[in-house]
C-alpha atoms as a PDB file:
ATOM      1  CA  UNK A   1     101.621  72.999 105.869  1.00  0.00           C
ATOM      2  CA  UNK A   2     103.613  76.238 105.593  1.00  0.00           C
ATOM      3  CA  UNK A   3     103.072  78.651 102.703  1.00  0.00           C
ATOM      4  CA  UNK A   4     104.780  81.863 101.670  1.00  0.00           C
ATOM      5  CA  UNK A   5     102.679  84.830 100.705  1.00  0.00           C
ATOM      6  CA  UNK A   6     104.131  88.255  99.981  1.00  0.00           C
ATOM      7  CA  UNK A   7     107.403  87.147 101.558  1.00  0.00           C
ATOM      8  CA  UNK A   8     105.641  86.102 104.755  1.00  0.00           C
ATOM      9  CA  UNK A   9     105.781  82.495 105.891  1.00  0.00           C
ATOM     10  CA  UNK A  10     102.541  81.339 107.507  1.00  0.00           C
ATOM     11  CA  UNK A  11     100.711  78.167 108.393  1.00  0.00           C
ATOM     12  CA  UNK A  12      98.177  77.061 105.777  1.00  0.00           C
ATOM     13  CA  UNK A  13      95.359  74.575 105.483  1.00  0.00           C
ATOM     14  CA  UNK A  14      92.791  73.636 102.885  1.00  0.00           C
ATOM     15  CA  UNK A  15      89.237  74.920 103.115  1.00  0.00           C
ATOM     16  CA  UNK A  16      87.646  71.461 103.703  1.00  0.00           C
ATOM     17  CA  UNK A  17      90.102  70.683 106.505  1.00  0.00           C
ATOM     18  CA  UNK A  18      89.628  74.161 107.977  1.00  0.00           C
ATOM     19  CA  UNK A  19      85.886  73.550 108.182  1.00  0.00           C
ATOM     20  CA  UNK A  20      86.435  70.260 110.014  1.00  0.00           C
ATOM     21  CA  UNK A  21      88.847  71.846 112.522  1.00  0.00           C
ATOM     22  CA  UNK A  22      87.360  75.357 112.753  1.00  0.00           C
ATOM     23  CA  UNK A  23      87.416  75.554 116.561  1.00  0.00           C
ATOM     24  CA  UNK A  24      91.035  74.320 116.712  1.00  0.00           C
ATOM     25  CA  UNK A  25      92.242  76.838 114.104  1.00  0.00           C
ATOM     26  CA  UNK A  26      90.387  79.756 115.672  1.00  0.00           C
ATOM     27  CA  UNK A  27      91.939  78.943 119.045  1.00  0.00           C
ATOM     28  CA  UNK A  28      95.423  78.539 117.555  1.00  0.00           C
ATOM     29  CA  UNK A  29      95.278  81.806 115.623  1.00  0.00           C
ATOM     30  CA  UNK A  30      93.956  83.703 118.647  1.00  0.00           C
ATOM     31  CA  UNK A  31      96.417  82.218 121.147  1.00  0.00           C
ATOM     32  CA  UNK A  32      99.554  82.363 118.972  1.00  0.00           C
ATOM     33  CA  UNK A  33      98.820  85.693 117.264  1.00  0.00           C
ATOM     34  CA  UNK A  34      99.881  84.097 113.967  1.00  0.00           C
ATOM     35  CA  UNK A  35      97.842  84.235 110.753  1.00  0.00           C
ATOM     36  CA  UNK A  36      96.469  81.159 108.970  1.00  0.00           C
ATOM     37  CA  UNK A  37      96.099  80.921 105.213  1.00  0.00           C
ATOM     38  CA  UNK A  38      93.058  78.985 104.057  1.00  0.00           C
ATOM     39  CA  UNK A  39      93.621  77.696 100.541  1.00  0.00           C
ATOM     40  CA  UNK A  40      90.821  77.149  98.050  1.00  0.00           C
ATOM     41  CA  UNK A  41      90.587  75.359  94.717  1.00  0.00           C
ATOM     42  CA  UNK A  42      89.939  78.544  92.767  1.00  0.00           C
ATOM     43  CA  UNK A  43      93.118  80.161  94.193  1.00  0.00           C
ATOM     44  CA  UNK A  44      91.028  82.787  95.991  1.00  0.00           C
ATOM     45  CA  UNK A  45      92.747  82.146  99.306  1.00  0.00           C
ATOM     46  CA  UNK A  46      91.883  83.950 102.524  1.00  0.00           C
ATOM     47  CA  UNK A  47      93.763  84.661 105.751  1.00  0.00           C
ATOM     48  CA  UNK A  48      92.409  84.283 109.287  1.00  0.00           C
ATOM     49  CA  UNK A  49      93.908  86.651 111.851  1.00  0.00           C
ATOM     50  CA  UNK A  50      93.137  87.482 115.475  1.00  0.00           C
ATOM     51  CA  UNK A  51      91.259  90.642 116.350  1.00  0.00           C
ATOM     52  CA  UNK A  52      94.400  91.948 118.068  1.00  0.00           C
ATOM     53  CA  UNK A  53      96.412  91.483 114.870  1.00  0.00           C
ATOM     54  CA  UNK A  54      93.660  93.160 112.853  1.00  0.00           C
ATOM     55  CA  UNK A  55      93.635  96.139 115.275  1.00  0.00           C
ATOM     56  CA  UNK A  56      97.411  96.439 114.868  1.00  0.00           C
ATOM     57  CA  UNK A  57      97.072  96.444 111.086  1.00  0.00           C
ATOM     58  CA  UNK A  58      94.451  99.178 111.223  1.00  0.00           C
ATOM     59  CA  UNK A  59      96.548 101.269 113.592  1.00  0.00           C
ATOM     60  CA  UNK A  60      99.607 100.938 111.364  1.00  0.00           C
ATOM     61  CA  UNK A  61      97.552 101.856 108.313  1.00  0.00           C
ATOM     62  CA  UNK A  62      96.204 104.898 110.098  1.00  0.00           C
ATOM     63  CA  UNK A  63      99.662 106.055 111.186  1.00  0.00           C
ATOM     64  CA  UNK A  64     101.256 105.518 107.806  1.00  0.00           C
ATOM     65  CA  UNK A  65      98.414 107.269 105.976  1.00  0.00           C
ATOM     66  CA  UNK A  66      99.414 110.626 107.474  1.00  0.00           C
ATOM     67  CA  UNK A  67     102.462 112.266 105.939  1.00  0.00           C
ATOM     68  CA  UNK A  68     103.546 113.854 109.215  1.00  0.00           C
ATOM     69  CA  UNK A  69     103.557 110.483 110.986  1.00  0.00           C
ATOM     70  CA  UNK A  70     105.408 108.818 108.124  1.00  0.00           C
ATOM     71  CA  UNK A  71     108.063 111.555 108.079  1.00  0.00           C
ATOM     72  CA  UNK A  72     108.457 111.334 111.828  1.00  0.00           C
ATOM     73  CA  UNK A  73     108.883 107.534 111.651  1.00  0.00           C
ATOM     74  CA  UNK A  74     111.539 107.890 108.949  1.00  0.00           C
ATOM     75  CA  UNK A  75     113.543 110.506 110.847  1.00  0.00           C
ATOM     76  CA  UNK A  76     116.634 109.051 112.544  1.00  0.00           C
ATOM     77  CA  UNK A  77     116.055 110.737 115.901  1.00  0.00           C
ATOM     78  CA  UNK A  78     112.391 110.015 116.579  1.00  0.00           C
ATOM     79  CA  UNK A  79     111.175 108.848 119.964  1.00  0.00           C
ATOM     80  CA  UNK A  80     108.271 106.453 120.094  1.00  0.00           C
ATOM     81  CA  UNK A  81     105.061 108.102 121.296  1.00  0.00           C
ATOM     82  CA  UNK A  82     103.248 106.782 124.304  1.00  0.00           C
ATOM     83  CA  UNK A  83      99.983 104.895 123.766  1.00  0.00           C
ATOM     84  CA  UNK A  84      98.121 107.886 125.172  1.00  0.00           C
ATOM     85  CA  UNK A  85      99.599 110.229 122.538  1.00  0.00           C
ATOM     86  CA  UNK A  86      98.662 107.779 119.752  1.00  0.00           C
ATOM     87  CA  UNK A  87      95.130 107.396 121.111  1.00  0.00           C
ATOM     88  CA  UNK A  88      94.723 111.190 121.371  1.00  0.00           C
ATOM     89  CA  UNK A  89      95.898 111.686 117.794  1.00  0.00           C
ATOM     90  CA  UNK A  90      93.543 109.006 116.539  1.00  0.00           C
ATOM     91  CA  UNK A  91      90.625 110.563 118.441  1.00  0.00           C
ATOM     92  CA  UNK A  92      91.398 114.020 117.036  1.00  0.00           C
ATOM     93  CA  UNK A  93      91.596 112.630 113.499  1.00  0.00           C
ATOM     94  CA  UNK A  94      88.312 110.732 113.911  1.00  0.00           C
ATOM     95  CA  UNK A  95      86.447 113.832 115.100  1.00  0.00           C
ATOM     96  CA  UNK A  96      87.977 115.917 112.328  1.00  0.00           C
ATOM     97  CA  UNK A  97      86.743 113.467 109.684  1.00  0.00           C
ATOM     98  CA  UNK A  98      83.133 113.504 110.962  1.00  0.00           C
ATOM     99  CA  UNK A  99      81.123 116.078 109.073  1.00  0.00           C
ATOM    100  CA  UNK A 100      78.625 118.173 110.934  1.00  0.00           C
ATOM    101  CA  UNK A 101      75.075 118.219 109.438  1.00  0.00           C
END
């Protein structure tokens, strides 16, 4: 069954059926890199995503949380940074956020 959530169309299943087919759904989500909505009676639905998709979400959140990055992304003449540049910036930010005792 397909469901729309926040303008995003994704596959969905009920919680009881998800439990019966857990291995199948985990394999499908991981292999296809597509989220799965698990619906519940109390309308407190959840979404299952792969670890790669989760990492991408965290990276995007990190980048968009910095004003300089957001301004750079919105500029018309930006050039995409290499993965090394992104990793270096993330490492610098992580060490800057750690407080020394």
